[in-house]
Amino acid sequence: MIENQKIRPAQVIGPLGEPLTLDSLPPANTTRWVVRRKAEVVAAVNGGLLTVDEVCERYGLTLEEFASWQRSIDRSGMPGLRVTRIQHYRDLYERQQRF
């Protein structure tokens, strides 16, 4: 009898519509996090390719950092991941919540 086994997909759909596999994800030693790489990692977690804990360990991220990426995508899509625009999108989201 199979107990507590999670079946993981071999691939998930990435943020740009391309298939993502474990091999096509950013390397574990990534230090320069551009929008596309952040979005790929979030898509991998959302699709079940990796767990949040695995991502944090693999990439040396904190739970808060990864959660902020997820929130940014949920609120503003990929443009929300741009570091230079964080304050703009945060203000925009807060204004939308008031109405």
PDB file of N, CA and C in Angstrom:
ATOM      1  N   MET A   1       0.833  -1.169   0.000  1.00  0.00           N
ATOM      2  CA  MET A   1       0.000   0.000   0.000  1.00  0.00           C
ATOM      3  C   MET A   1       0.888   1.246   0.000  1.00  0.00           C
ATOM      4  N   ILE A   2       0.546   2.222  -0.829  1.00  0.00           N
ATOM      5  CA  ILE A   2       1.321   3.453  -0.932  1.00  0.00           C
ATOM      6  C   ILE A   2       0.780   4.461   0.079  1.00  0.00           C
ATOM      7  N   GLU A   3       1.660   4.916   0.949  1.00  0.00           N
ATOM      8  CA  GLU A   3       1.267   5.900   1.946  1.00  0.00           C
ATOM      9  C   GLU A   3       2.150   7.131   1.848  1.00  0.00           C
ATOM     10  N   ASN A   4       1.518   8.275   1.911  1.00  0.00           N
ATOM     11  CA  ASN A   4       2.212   9.558   1.953  1.00  0.00           C
ATOM     12  C   ASN A   4       3.213   9.772   0.823  1.00  0.00           C
ATOM     13  N   GLN A   5       2.986   9.165  -0.305  1.00  0.00           N
ATOM     14  CA  GLN A   5       3.852   9.418  -1.449  1.00  0.00           C
ATOM     15  C   GLN A   5       3.208  10.500  -2.302  1.00  0.00           C
ATOM     16  N   LYS A   6       3.976  11.513  -2.581  1.00  0.00           N
ATOM     17  CA  LYS A   6       3.475  12.573  -3.438  1.00  0.00           C
ATOM     18  C   LYS A   6       4.006  12.327  -4.841  1.00  0.00           C
ATOM     19  N   ILE A   7       3.115  12.357  -5.765  1.00  0.00           N
ATOM     20  CA  ILE A   7       3.511  12.206  -7.160  1.00  0.00           C
ATOM     21  C   ILE A   7       3.762  13.604  -7.714  1.00  0.00           C
ATOM     22  N   ARG A   8       4.972  13.827  -8.145  1.00  0.00           N
ATOM     23  CA  ARG A   8       5.347  15.131  -8.684  1.00  0.00           C
ATOM     24  C   ARG A   8       5.306  15.087 -10.193  1.00  0.00           C
ATOM     25  N   PRO A   9       4.885  16.180 -10.783  1.00  0.00           N
ATOM     26  CA  PRO A   9       4.904  16.224 -12.254  1.00  0.00           C
ATOM     27  C   PRO A   9       6.341  16.271 -12.764  1.00  0.00           C
ATOM     28  N   ALA A  10       6.546  15.773 -13.941  1.00  0.00           N
ATOM     29  CA  ALA A  10       7.870  15.822 -14.552  1.00  0.00           C
ATOM     30  C   ALA A  10       8.181  17.226 -15.049  1.00  0.00           C
ATOM     31  N   GLN A  11       7.119  17.961 -15.374  1.00  0.00           N
ATOM     32  CA  GLN A  11       7.286  19.337 -15.826  1.00  0.00           C
ATOM     33  C   GLN A  11       6.036  20.138 -15.508  1.00  0.00           C
ATOM     34  N   VAL A  12       6.198  21.440 -15.440  1.00  0.00           N
ATOM     35  CA  VAL A  12       5.076  22.356 -15.242  1.00  0.00           C
ATOM     36  C   VAL A  12       5.197  23.462 -16.284  1.00  0.00           C
ATOM     37  N   ILE A  13       4.152  24.215 -16.434  1.00  0.00           N
ATOM     38  CA  ILE A  13       4.180  25.329 -17.380  1.00  0.00           C
ATOM     39  C   ILE A  13       4.794  26.540 -16.691  1.00  0.00           C
ATOM     40  N   GLY A  14       5.803  27.113 -17.323  1.00  0.00           N
ATOM     41  CA  GLY A  14       6.503  28.269 -16.767  1.00  0.00           C
ATOM     42  C   GLY A  14       5.752  29.564 -16.989  1.00  0.00           C
ATOM     43  N   PRO A  15       6.283  30.652 -16.498  1.00  0.00           N
ATOM     44  CA  PRO A  15       5.610  31.943 -16.583  1.00  0.00           C
ATOM     45  C   PRO A  15       5.446  32.475 -18.008  1.00  0.00           C
ATOM     46  N   LEU A  16       6.278  32.014 -18.902  1.00  0.00           N
ATOM     47  CA  LEU A  16       6.183  32.450 -20.296  1.00  0.00           C
ATOM     48  C   LEU A  16       5.546  31.400 -21.193  1.00  0.00           C
ATOM     49  N   GLY A  17       4.960  30.358 -20.580  1.00  0.00           N
ATOM     50  CA  GLY A  17       4.273  29.318 -21.336  1.00  0.00           C
ATOM     51  C   GLY A  17       5.150  28.151 -21.741  1.00  0.00           C
ATOM     52  N   GLU A  18       6.411  28.178 -21.383  1.00  0.00           N
ATOM     53  CA  GLU A  18       7.340  27.105 -21.740  1.00  0.00           C
ATOM     54  C   GLU A  18       7.329  26.029 -20.660  1.00  0.00           C
ATOM     55  N   PRO A  19       7.649  24.787 -21.018  1.00  0.00           N
ATOM     56  CA  PRO A  19       7.709  23.733 -19.994  1.00  0.00           C
ATOM     57  C   PRO A  19       8.936  23.926 -19.092  1.00  0.00           C
ATOM     58  N   LEU A  20       8.724  23.746 -17.802  1.00  0.00           N
ATOM     59  CA  LEU A  20       9.809  23.827 -16.826  1.00  0.00           C
ATOM     60  C   LEU A  20      10.029  22.454 -16.214  1.00  0.00           C
ATOM     61  N   THR A  21      11.267  22.034 -16.139  1.00  0.00           N
ATOM     62  CA  THR A  21      11.639  20.792 -15.455  1.00  0.00           C
ATOM     63  C   THR A  21      12.654  21.158 -14.374  1.00  0.00           C
ATOM     64  N   LEU A  22      13.001  20.193 -13.548  1.00  0.00           N
ATOM     65  CA  LEU A  22      14.023  20.453 -12.538  1.00  0.00           C
ATOM     66  C   LEU A  22      15.337  20.893 -13.178  1.00  0.00           C
ATOM     67  N   ASP A  23      15.646  20.321 -14.327  1.00  0.00           N
ATOM     68  CA  ASP A  23      16.895  20.661 -15.020  1.00  0.00           C
ATOM     69  C   ASP A  23      16.871  22.052 -15.641  1.00  0.00           C
ATOM     70  N   SER A  24      15.683  22.544 -15.990  1.00  0.00           N
ATOM     71  CA  SER A  24      15.614  23.853 -16.641  1.00  0.00           C
ATOM     72  C   SER A  24      15.428  25.009 -15.658  1.00  0.00           C
ATOM     73  N   LEU A  25      15.276  24.691 -14.371  1.00  0.00           N
ATOM     74  CA  LEU A  25      15.178  25.744 -13.366  1.00  0.00           C
ATOM     75  C   LEU A  25      16.526  26.433 -13.211  1.00  0.00           C
ATOM     76  N   PRO A  26      16.527  27.643 -12.652  1.00  0.00           N
ATOM     77  CA  PRO A  26      17.825  28.304 -12.429  1.00  0.00           C
ATOM     78  C   PRO A  26      18.745  27.429 -11.583  1.00  0.00           C
ATOM     79  N   PRO A  27      20.054  27.511 -11.809  1.00  0.00           N
ATOM     80  CA  PRO A  27      20.995  26.710 -11.031  1.00  0.00           C
ATOM     81  C   PRO A  27      20.929  27.061  -9.541  1.00  0.00           C
ATOM     82  N   ALA A  28      21.313  26.116  -8.712  1.00  0.00           N
ATOM     83  CA  ALA A  28      21.249  26.297  -7.261  1.00  0.00           C
ATOM     84  C   ALA A  28      22.167  27.422  -6.774  1.00  0.00           C
ATOM     85  N   ASN A  29      23.195  27.745  -7.523  1.00  0.00           N
ATOM     86  CA  ASN A  29      24.126  28.792  -7.103  1.00  0.00           C
ATOM     87  C   ASN A  29      23.761  30.169  -7.652  1.00  0.00           C
ATOM     88  N   THR A  30      22.535  30.346  -8.094  1.00  0.00           N
ATOM     89  CA  THR A  30      22.083  31.621  -8.648  1.00  0.00           C
ATOM     90  C   THR A  30      22.159  32.712  -7.585  1.00  0.00           C
ATOM     91  N   THR A  31      22.767  33.833  -7.946  1.00  0.00           N
ATOM     92  CA  THR A  31      22.822  34.979  -7.040  1.00  0.00           C
ATOM     93  C   THR A  31      22.167  36.208  -7.653  1.00  0.00           C
ATOM     94  N   ARG A  32      22.058  36.243  -8.961  1.00  0.00           N
ATOM     95  CA  ARG A  32      21.434  37.377  -9.641  1.00  0.00           C
ATOM     96  C   ARG A  32      20.014  36.970 -10.017  1.00  0.00           C
ATOM     97  N   TRP A  33      19.048  37.511  -9.288  1.00  0.00           N
ATOM     98  CA  TRP A  33      17.657  37.113  -9.463  1.00  0.00           C
ATOM     99  C   TRP A  33      16.904  38.102 -10.340  1.00  0.00           C
ATOM    100  N   VAL A  34      16.855  37.814 -11.625  1.00  0.00           N
ATOM    101  CA  VAL A  34      16.067  38.629 -12.546  1.00  0.00           C
ATOM    102  C   VAL A  34      14.612  38.169 -12.472  1.00  0.00           C
ATOM    103  N   VAL A  35      13.722  38.964 -13.014  1.00  0.00           N
ATOM    104  CA  VAL A  35      12.286  38.698 -12.944  1.00  0.00           C
ATOM    105  C   VAL A  35      11.940  37.298 -13.453  1.00  0.00           C
ATOM    106  N   ARG A  36      12.480  36.925 -14.600  1.00  0.00           N
ATOM    107  CA  ARG A  36      12.154  35.625 -15.195  1.00  0.00           C
ATOM    108  C   ARG A  36      12.528  34.477 -14.276  1.00  0.00           C
ATOM    109  N   ARG A  37      13.704  34.533 -13.669  1.00  0.00           N
ATOM    110  CA  ARG A  37      14.140  33.450 -12.780  1.00  0.00           C
ATOM    111  C   ARG A  37      13.244  33.346 -11.549  1.00  0.00           C
ATOM    112  N   LYS A  38      12.903  34.487 -10.965  1.00  0.00           N
ATOM    113  CA  LYS A  38      12.003  34.477  -9.809  1.00  0.00           C
ATOM    114  C   LYS A  38      10.664  33.851 -10.201  1.00  0.00           C
ATOM    115  N   ALA A  39      10.134  34.264 -11.346  1.00  0.00           N
ATOM    116  CA  ALA A  39       8.836  33.753 -11.802  1.00  0.00           C
ATOM    117  C   ALA A  39       8.900  32.252 -12.081  1.00  0.00           C
ATOM    118  N   GLU A  40      10.015  31.765 -12.608  1.00  0.00           N
ATOM    119  CA  GLU A  40      10.162  30.331 -12.856  1.00  0.00           C
ATOM    120  C   GLU A  40      10.135  29.543 -11.552  1.00  0.00           C
ATOM    121  N   VAL A  41      10.814  30.045 -10.538  1.00  0.00           N
ATOM    122  CA  VAL A  41      10.848  29.351  -9.251  1.00  0.00           C
ATOM    123  C   VAL A  41       9.452  29.339  -8.619  1.00  0.00           C
ATOM    124  N   VAL A  42       8.746  30.452  -8.689  1.00  0.00           N
ATOM    125  CA  VAL A  42       7.381  30.508  -8.146  1.00  0.00           C
ATOM    126  C   VAL A  42       6.474  29.545  -8.914  1.00  0.00           C
ATOM    127  N   ALA A  43       6.605  29.502 -10.242  1.00  0.00           N
ATOM    128  CA  ALA A  43       5.793  28.586 -11.051  1.00  0.00           C
ATOM    129  C   ALA A  43       6.100  27.133 -10.703  1.00  0.00           C
ATOM    130  N   ALA A  44       7.349  26.829 -10.423  1.00  0.00           N
ATOM    131  CA  ALA A  44       7.730  25.460 -10.052  1.00  0.00           C
ATOM    132  C   ALA A  44       7.053  25.045  -8.751  1.00  0.00           C
ATOM    133  N   VAL A  45       6.995  25.946  -7.786  1.00  0.00           N
ATOM    134  CA  VAL A  45       6.335  25.641  -6.520  1.00  0.00           C
ATOM    135  C   VAL A  45       4.826  25.533  -6.723  1.00  0.00           C
ATOM    136  N   ASN A  46       4.250  26.492  -7.430  1.00  0.00           N
ATOM    137  CA  ASN A  46       2.801  26.475  -7.668  1.00  0.00           C
ATOM    138  C   ASN A  46       2.356  25.239  -8.436  1.00  0.00           C
ATOM    139  N   GLY A  47       3.222  24.736  -9.316  1.00  0.00           N
ATOM    140  CA  GLY A  47       2.894  23.555 -10.101  1.00  0.00           C
ATOM    141  C   GLY A  47       3.218  22.235  -9.417  1.00  0.00           C
ATOM    142  N   GLY A  48       3.888  22.295  -8.272  1.00  0.00           N
ATOM    143  CA  GLY A  48       4.206  21.086  -7.536  1.00  0.00           C
ATOM    144  C   GLY A  48       5.531  20.446  -7.893  1.00  0.00           C
ATOM    145  N   LEU A  49       6.338  21.123  -8.691  1.00  0.00           N
ATOM    146  CA  LEU A  49       7.635  20.577  -9.080  1.00  0.00           C
ATOM    147  C   LEU A  49       8.597  20.557  -7.892  1.00  0.00           C
ATOM    148  N   LEU A  50       8.524  21.576  -7.046  1.00  0.00           N
ATOM    149  CA  LEU A  50       9.324  21.679  -5.824  1.00  0.00           C
ATOM    150  C   LEU A  50       8.428  22.188  -4.695  1.00  0.00           C
ATOM    151  N   THR A  51       8.828  21.920  -3.466  1.00  0.00           N
ATOM    152  CA  THR A  51       8.109  22.488  -2.329  1.00  0.00           C
ATOM    153  C   THR A  51       8.782  23.802  -1.935  1.00  0.00           C
ATOM    154  N   VAL A  52       8.110  24.583  -1.133  1.00  0.00           N
ATOM    155  CA  VAL A  52       8.677  25.844  -0.660  1.00  0.00           C
ATOM    156  C   VAL A  52       9.962  25.578   0.119  1.00  0.00           C
ATOM    157  N   ASP A  53       9.943  24.556   0.965  1.00  0.00           N
ATOM    158  CA  ASP A  53      11.141  24.226   1.736  1.00  0.00           C
ATOM    159  C   ASP A  53      12.313  23.854   0.834  1.00  0.00           C
ATOM    160  N   GLU A  54      12.036  23.090  -0.211  1.00  0.00           N
ATOM    161  CA  GLU A  54      13.101  22.698  -1.143  1.00  0.00           C
ATOM    162  C   GLU A  54      13.675  23.910  -1.861  1.00  0.00           C
ATOM    163  N   VAL A  55      12.810  24.829  -2.259  1.00  0.00           N
ATOM    164  CA  VAL A  55      13.265  26.039  -2.952  1.00  0.00           C
ATOM    165  C   VAL A  55      14.136  26.877  -2.030  1.00  0.00           C
ATOM    166  N   CYS A  56      13.682  27.068  -0.798  1.00  0.00           N
ATOM    167  CA  CYS A  56      14.454  27.878   0.150  1.00  0.00           C
ATOM    168  C   CYS A  56      15.826  27.262   0.413  1.00  0.00           C
ATOM    169  N   GLU A  57      15.871  25.954   0.551  1.00  0.00           N
ATOM    170  CA  GLU A  57      17.148  25.281   0.784  1.00  0.00           C
ATOM    171  C   GLU A  57      18.033  25.320  -0.460  1.00  0.00           C
ATOM    172  N   ARG A  58      17.447  25.021  -1.608  1.00  0.00           N
ATOM    173  CA  ARG A  58      18.211  24.956  -2.852  1.00  0.00           C
ATOM    174  C   ARG A  58      18.827  26.303  -3.226  1.00  0.00           C
ATOM    175  N   TYR A  59      18.056  27.380  -3.036  1.00  0.00           N
ATOM    176  CA  TYR A  59      18.511  28.700  -3.472  1.00  0.00           C
ATOM    177  C   TYR A  59      18.975  29.606  -2.338  1.00  0.00           C
ATOM    178  N   GLY A  60      18.938  29.118  -1.107  1.00  0.00           N
ATOM    179  CA  GLY A  60      19.380  29.932   0.018  1.00  0.00           C
ATOM    180  C   GLY A  60      18.475  31.122   0.280  1.00  0.00           C
ATOM    181  N   LEU A  61      17.187  30.935   0.069  1.00  0.00           N
ATOM    182  CA  LEU A  61      16.209  32.004   0.280  1.00  0.00           C
ATOM    183  C   LEU A  61      15.567  31.852   1.651  1.00  0.00           C
ATOM    184  N   THR A  62      15.064  32.955   2.173  1.00  0.00           N
ATOM    185  CA  THR A  62      14.265  32.865   3.385  1.00  0.00           C
ATOM    186  C   THR A  62      12.823  32.634   2.966  1.00  0.00           C
ATOM    187  N   LEU A  63      12.040  32.124   3.866  1.00  0.00           N
ATOM    188  CA  LEU A  63      10.624  31.919   3.592  1.00  0.00           C
ATOM    189  C   LEU A  63       9.952  33.242   3.258  1.00  0.00           C
ATOM    190  N   GLU A  64      10.319  34.296   3.950  1.00  0.00           N
ATOM    191  CA  GLU A  64       9.738  35.616   3.716  1.00  0.00           C
ATOM    192  C   GLU A  64      10.075  36.135   2.324  1.00  0.00           C
ATOM    193  N   GLU A  65      11.306  35.903   1.886  1.00  0.00           N
ATOM    194  CA  GLU A  65      11.712  36.364   0.563  1.00  0.00           C
ATOM    195  C   GLU A  65      10.908  35.650  -0.523  1.00  0.00           C
ATOM    196  N   PHE A  66      10.804  34.327  -0.409  1.00  0.00           N
ATOM    197  CA  PHE A  66      10.037  33.591  -1.400  1.00  0.00           C
ATOM    198  C   PHE A  66       8.557  33.997  -1.367  1.00  0.00           C
ATOM    199  N   ALA A  67       8.006  34.147  -0.164  1.00  0.00           N
ATOM    200  CA  ALA A  67       6.601  34.546  -0.025  1.00  0.00           C
ATOM    201  C   ALA A  67       6.364  35.916  -0.660  1.00  0.00           C
ATOM    202  N   SER A  68       7.337  36.806  -0.576  1.00  0.00           N
ATOM    203  CA  SER A  68       7.177  38.128  -1.200  1.00  0.00           C
ATOM    204  C   SER A  68       7.127  37.997  -2.718  1.00  0.00           C
ATOM    205  N   TRP A  69       7.889  37.060  -3.286  1.00  0.00           N
ATOM    206  CA  TRP A  69       7.818  36.817  -4.729  1.00  0.00           C
ATOM    207  C   TRP A  69       6.428  36.333  -5.112  1.00  0.00           C
ATOM    208  N   GLN A  70       5.894  35.399  -4.330  1.00  0.00           N
ATOM    209  CA  GLN A  70       4.557  34.884  -4.627  1.00  0.00           C
ATOM    210  C   GLN A  70       3.516  35.986  -4.541  1.00  0.00           C
ATOM    211  N   ARG A  71       3.582  36.801  -3.500  1.00  0.00           N
ATOM    212  CA  ARG A  71       2.626  37.906  -3.349  1.00  0.00           C
ATOM    213  C   ARG A  71       2.738  38.881  -4.502  1.00  0.00           C
ATOM    214  N   SER A  72       3.954  39.193  -4.912  1.00  0.00           N
ATOM    215  CA  SER A  72       4.158  40.135  -6.010  1.00  0.00           C
ATOM    216  C   SER A  72       3.544  39.631  -7.299  1.00  0.00           C
ATOM    217  N   ILE A  73       3.710  38.346  -7.577  1.00  0.00           N
ATOM    218  CA  ILE A  73       3.123  37.765  -8.787  1.00  0.00           C
ATOM    219  C   ILE A  73       1.606  37.756  -8.688  1.00  0.00           C
ATOM    220  N   ASP A  74       1.083  37.389  -7.530  1.00  0.00           N
ATOM    221  CA  ASP A  74      -0.368  37.365  -7.352  1.00  0.00           C
ATOM    222  C   ASP A  74      -0.977  38.752  -7.528  1.00  0.00           C
ATOM    223  N   ARG A  75      -0.317  39.758  -7.033  1.00  0.00           N
ATOM    224  CA  ARG A  75      -0.850  41.123  -7.074  1.00  0.00           C
ATOM    225  C   ARG A  75      -0.644  41.804  -8.412  1.00  0.00           C
ATOM    226  N   SER A  76       0.572  41.687  -8.974  1.00  0.00           N
ATOM    227  CA  SER A  76       0.929  42.501 -10.130  1.00  0.00           C
ATOM    228  C   SER A  76       1.502  41.726 -11.298  1.00  0.00           C
ATOM    229  N   GLY A  77       1.540  40.406 -11.217  1.00  0.00           N
ATOM    230  CA  GLY A  77       2.135  39.618 -12.288  1.00  0.00           C
ATOM    231  C   GLY A  77       3.652  39.745 -12.280  1.00  0.00           C
ATOM    232  N   MET A  78       4.258  39.358 -13.358  1.00  0.00           N
ATOM    233  CA  MET A  78       5.721  39.392 -13.438  1.00  0.00           C
ATOM    234  C   MET A  78       6.306  40.789 -13.247  1.00  0.00           C
ATOM    235  N   PRO A  79       5.674  41.857 -13.739  1.00  0.00           N
ATOM    236  CA  PRO A  79       6.259  43.187 -13.502  1.00  0.00           C
ATOM    237  C   PRO A  79       6.396  43.528 -12.018  1.00  0.00           C
ATOM    238  N   GLY A  80       5.572  42.928 -11.175  1.00  0.00           N
ATOM    239  CA  GLY A  80       5.654  43.182  -9.745  1.00  0.00           C
ATOM    240  C   GLY A  80       6.927  42.651  -9.109  1.00  0.00           C
ATOM    241  N   LEU A  81       7.640  41.788  -9.815  1.00  0.00           N
ATOM    242  CA  LEU A  81       8.888  41.217  -9.301  1.00  0.00           C
ATOM    243  C   LEU A  81      10.087  42.130  -9.526  1.00  0.00           C
ATOM    244  N   ARG A  82       9.895  43.180 -10.283  1.00  0.00           N
ATOM    245  CA  ARG A  82      11.012  44.087 -10.551  1.00  0.00           C
ATOM    246  C   ARG A  82      11.371  44.838  -9.284  1.00  0.00           C
ATOM    247  N   VAL A  83      12.590  44.731  -8.859  1.00  0.00           N
ATOM    248  CA  VAL A  83      13.043  45.352  -7.615  1.00  0.00           C
ATOM    249  C   VAL A  83      12.868  46.866  -7.670  1.00  0.00           C
ATOM    250  N   THR A  84      13.109  47.457  -8.814  1.00  0.00           N
ATOM    251  CA  THR A  84      13.020  48.915  -8.918  1.00  0.00           C
ATOM    252  C   THR A  84      11.585  49.410  -8.846  1.00  0.00           C
ATOM    253  N   ARG A  85      10.612  48.528  -8.978  1.00  0.00           N
ATOM    254  CA  ARG A  85       9.209  48.943  -8.998  1.00  0.00           C
ATOM    255  C   ARG A  85       8.424  48.456  -7.789  1.00  0.00           C
ATOM    256  N   ILE A  86       9.082  47.880  -6.802  1.00  0.00           N
ATOM    257  CA  ILE A  86       8.384  47.312  -5.654  1.00  0.00           C
ATOM    258  C   ILE A  86       7.505  48.350  -4.971  1.00  0.00           C
ATOM    259  N   GLN A  87       8.046  49.530  -4.689  1.00  0.00           N
ATOM    260  CA  GLN A  87       7.272  50.548  -3.987  1.00  0.00           C
ATOM    261  C   GLN A  87       6.076  50.989  -4.811  1.00  0.00           C
ATOM    262  N   HIS A  88       6.251  51.152  -6.113  1.00  0.00           N
ATOM    263  CA  HIS A  88       5.138  51.552  -6.980  1.00  0.00           C
ATOM    264  C   HIS A  88       3.993  50.540  -6.913  1.00  0.00           C
ATOM    265  N   TYR A  89       4.307  49.267  -7.072  1.00  0.00           N
ATOM    266  CA  TYR A  89       3.265  48.243  -7.059  1.00  0.00           C
ATOM    267  C   TYR A  89       2.661  48.064  -5.669  1.00  0.00           C
ATOM    268  N   ARG A  90       3.468  48.245  -4.628  1.00  0.00           N
ATOM    269  CA  ARG A  90       2.944  48.155  -3.261  1.00  0.00           C
ATOM    270  C   ARG A  90       1.922  49.267  -3.019  1.00  0.00           C
ATOM    271  N   ASP A  91       2.258  50.504  -3.434  1.00  0.00           N
ATOM    272  CA  ASP A  91       1.334  51.628  -3.277  1.00  0.00           C
ATOM    273  C   ASP A  91       0.066  51.413  -4.091  1.00  0.00           C
ATOM    274  N   LEU A  92       0.216  50.923  -5.310  1.00  0.00           N
ATOM    275  CA  LEU A  92      -0.933  50.661  -6.170  1.00  0.00           C
ATOM    276  C   LEU A  92      -1.857  49.626  -5.546  1.00  0.00           C
ATOM    277  N   TYR A  93      -1.284  48.557  -5.018  1.00  0.00           N
ATOM    278  CA  TYR A  93      -2.079  47.511  -4.376  1.00  0.00           C
ATOM    279  C   TYR A  93      -2.813  48.058  -3.150  1.00  0.00           C
ATOM    280  N   GLU A  94      -2.131  48.855  -2.337  1.00  0.00           N
ATOM    281  CA  GLU A  94      -2.758  49.413  -1.140  1.00  0.00           C
ATOM    282  C   GLU A  94      -3.911  50.349  -1.499  1.00  0.00           C
ATOM    283  N   ARG A  95      -3.741  51.135  -2.567  1.00  0.00           N
ATOM    284  CA  ARG A  95      -4.848  52.010  -3.015  1.00  0.00           C
ATOM    285  C   ARG A  95      -6.037  51.190  -3.487  1.00  0.00           C
ATOM    286  N   GLN A  96      -5.787  50.090  -4.192  1.00  0.00           N
ATOM    287  CA  GLN A  96      -6.881  49.252  -4.675  1.00  0.00           C
ATOM    288  C   GLN A  96      -7.627  48.606  -3.523  1.00  0.00           C
ATOM    289  N   GLN A  97      -6.935  48.292  -2.437  1.00  0.00           N
ATOM    290  CA  GLN A  97      -7.572  47.649  -1.298  1.00  0.00           C
ATOM    291  C   GLN A  97      -8.508  48.598  -0.545  1.00  0.00           C
ATOM    292  N   ARG A  98      -8.288  49.900  -0.665  1.00  0.00           N
ATOM    293  CA  ARG A  98      -9.128  50.874   0.026  1.00  0.00           C
ATOM    294  C   ARG A  98     -10.507  50.991  -0.594  1.00  0.00           C
ATOM    295  N   PHE A  99     -10.605  50.690  -1.877  1.00  0.00           N
ATOM    296  CA  PHE A  99     -11.890  50.863  -2.589  1.00  0.00           C
ATOM    297  C   PHE A  99     -12.594  49.578  -2.848  1.00  0.00           C
TER     298      PHE A  99
END
